[in-house]
Amino acid sequence: MALTPAEKQKRYRERRKEAEQANPDAVERALLEEVERRELGEMSEEERLALADRCADIASNLLIRSRHLSRIAFRLQTGSDHPTDR
């Protein structure tokens, strides 16, 4: 059964929102907005701790990804594995 124009538009908006949420800049922007809420005193202690955990998780994941990319760059530049990979 074919989708109506309204259903197509709804699916398009949902996919676009998901893609935007996966964008690292959008994730960082959302986190900074939440940090601003905390600074304005609009956040409970539990929310603050959850936000701190999310920030730490994202930072950890970015560090892992940057190390991986650094090793790829080293391999491309030198043609050999990074000395710490041996």
C-alpha atoms as a PDB file:
ATOM      1  CA  MET A   1       0.000   0.000   0.000  1.00  0.00           C
ATOM      2  CA  ALA A   2       1.388   3.390  -0.978  1.00  0.00           C
ATOM      3  CA  LEU A   3       2.068   6.049   1.611  1.00  0.00           C
ATOM      4  CA  THR A   4       0.101   9.253   1.649  1.00  0.00           C
ATOM      5  CA  PRO A   5       2.016  12.520   1.226  1.00  0.00           C
ATOM      6  CA  ALA A   6       1.563  13.240   4.945  1.00  0.00           C
ATOM      7  CA  GLU A   7       3.025   9.842   5.876  1.00  0.00           C
ATOM      8  CA  LYS A   8       5.961  10.360   3.511  1.00  0.00           C
ATOM      9  CA  GLN A   9       6.630  13.760   5.026  1.00  0.00           C
ATOM     10  CA  LYS A  10       6.473  12.339   8.553  1.00  0.00           C
ATOM     11  CA  ARG A  11       8.963   9.566   7.680  1.00  0.00           C
ATOM     12  CA  TYR A  12      11.247  12.093   5.987  1.00  0.00           C
ATOM     13  CA  ARG A  13      11.237  14.330   9.080  1.00  0.00           C
ATOM     14  CA  GLU A  14      11.933  11.361  11.361  1.00  0.00           C
ATOM     15  CA  ARG A  15      14.894  10.219   9.253  1.00  0.00           C
ATOM     16  CA  ARG A  16      16.242  13.753   9.100  1.00  0.00           C
ATOM     17  CA  LYS A  17      15.947  14.165  12.861  1.00  0.00           C
ATOM     18  CA  GLU A  18      17.767  10.857  13.442  1.00  0.00           C
ATOM     19  CA  ALA A  19      20.569  11.902  11.082  1.00  0.00           C
ATOM     20  CA  GLU A  20      20.896  15.259  12.814  1.00  0.00           C
ATOM     21  CA  GLN A  21      21.075  13.613  16.224  1.00  0.00           C
ATOM     22  CA  ALA A  22      23.887  11.356  14.985  1.00  0.00           C
ATOM     23  CA  ASN A  23      25.894  14.384  13.810  1.00  0.00           C
ATOM     24  CA  PRO A  24      28.739  15.049  16.308  1.00  0.00           C
ATOM     25  CA  ASP A  25      28.199  18.810  16.117  1.00  0.00           C
ATOM     26  CA  ALA A  26      24.514  18.403  16.911  1.00  0.00           C
ATOM     27  CA  VAL A  27      25.323  16.098  19.829  1.00  0.00           C
ATOM     28  CA  GLU A  28      27.815  18.610  21.216  1.00  0.00           C
ATOM     29  CA  ARG A  29      25.352  21.471  20.760  1.00  0.00           C
ATOM     30  CA  ALA A  30      22.657  19.533  22.640  1.00  0.00           C
ATOM     31  CA  LEU A  31      25.067  18.747  25.479  1.00  0.00           C
ATOM     32  CA  LEU A  32      26.098  22.393  25.756  1.00  0.00           C
ATOM     33  CA  GLU A  33      22.444  23.422  25.924  1.00  0.00           C
ATOM     34  CA  GLU A  34      21.952  20.995  28.803  1.00  0.00           C
ATOM     35  CA  VAL A  35      25.070  22.322  30.545  1.00  0.00           C
ATOM     36  CA  GLU A  36      23.597  25.803  30.210  1.00  0.00           C
ATOM     37  CA  ARG A  37      20.390  24.545  31.864  1.00  0.00           C
ATOM     38  CA  ARG A  38      22.520  23.282  34.747  1.00  0.00           C
ATOM     39  CA  GLU A  39      24.248  26.631  35.112  1.00  0.00           C
ATOM     40  CA  LEU A  40      20.854  28.321  35.283  1.00  0.00           C
ATOM     41  CA  GLY A  41      19.852  25.954  38.083  1.00  0.00           C
ATOM     42  CA  GLU A  42      17.162  24.207  36.037  1.00  0.00           C
ATOM     43  CA  MET A  43      18.491  20.702  36.596  1.00  0.00           C
ATOM     44  CA  SER A  44      18.198  18.259  39.466  1.00  0.00           C
ATOM     45  CA  GLU A  45      21.201  16.558  41.026  1.00  0.00           C
ATOM     46  CA  GLU A  46      20.313  13.246  39.337  1.00  0.00           C
ATOM     47  CA  GLU A  47      20.063  14.942  35.937  1.00  0.00           C
ATOM     48  CA  ARG A  48      23.419  16.628  36.534  1.00  0.00           C
ATOM     49  CA  LEU A  49      25.092  13.298  37.288  1.00  0.00           C
ATOM     50  CA  ALA A  50      23.504  11.668  34.229  1.00  0.00           C
ATOM     51  CA  LEU A  51      24.729  14.563  32.073  1.00  0.00           C
ATOM     52  CA  ALA A  52      28.238  14.214  33.494  1.00  0.00           C
ATOM     53  CA  ASP A  53      28.186  10.485  32.677  1.00  0.00           C
ATOM     54  CA  ARG A  54      27.033  11.156  29.115  1.00  0.00           C
ATOM     55  CA  CYS A  55      29.760  13.768  28.618  1.00  0.00           C
ATOM     56  CA  ALA A  56      32.402  11.354  29.928  1.00  0.00           C
ATOM     57  CA  ASP A  57      31.125   8.550  27.675  1.00  0.00           C
ATOM     58  CA  ILE A  58      31.175  10.772  24.596  1.00  0.00           C
ATOM     59  CA  ALA A  59      34.661  12.051  25.429  1.00  0.00           C
ATOM     60  CA  SER A  60      35.908   8.488  25.883  1.00  0.00           C
ATOM     61  CA  ASN A  61      34.420   7.376  22.567  1.00  0.00           C
ATOM     62  CA  LEU A  62      35.954  10.359  20.776  1.00  0.00           C
ATOM     63  CA  LEU A  63      39.351   9.577  22.275  1.00  0.00           C
ATOM     64  CA  ILE A  64      39.157   5.969  21.086  1.00  0.00           C
ATOM     65  CA  ARG A  65      38.166   7.094  17.593  1.00  0.00           C
ATOM     66  CA  SER A  66      40.944   9.699  17.459  1.00  0.00           C
ATOM     67  CA  ARG A  67      43.564   7.097  18.454  1.00  0.00           C
ATOM     68  CA  HIS A  68      42.306   4.776  15.744  1.00  0.00           C
ATOM     69  CA  LEU A  69      42.455   7.531  13.126  1.00  0.00           C
ATOM     70  CA  SER A  70      45.912   8.547  14.320  1.00  0.00           C
ATOM     71  CA  ARG A  71      47.174   5.002  13.766  1.00  0.00           C
ATOM     72  CA  ILE A  72      45.644   4.965  10.285  1.00  0.00           C
ATOM     73  CA  ALA A  73      47.350   8.272   9.487  1.00  0.00           C
ATOM     74  CA  PHE A  74      50.698   6.937  10.766  1.00  0.00           C
ATOM     75  CA  ARG A  75      50.341   3.826   8.614  1.00  0.00           C
ATOM     76  CA  LEU A  76      49.517   5.950   5.565  1.00  0.00           C
ATOM     77  CA  GLN A  77      52.489   8.252   6.158  1.00  0.00           C
ATOM     78  CA  THR A  78      55.110   5.609   6.935  1.00  0.00           C
ATOM     79  CA  GLY A  79      53.790   2.437   5.374  1.00  0.00           C
ATOM     80  CA  SER A  80      54.214   0.553   8.658  1.00  0.00           C
ATOM     81  CA  ASP A  81      52.263  -0.004  11.843  1.00  0.00           C
ATOM     82  CA  HIS A  82      52.550   2.376  14.742  1.00  0.00           C
ATOM     83  CA  PRO A  83      55.290   1.294  17.221  1.00  0.00           C
ATOM     84  CA  THR A  84      52.743   0.852  20.015  1.00  0.00           C
ATOM     85  CA  ASP A  85      50.743  -1.624  17.874  1.00  0.00           C
ATOM     86  CA  ARG A  86      53.527  -4.231  17.911  1.00  0.00           C
END
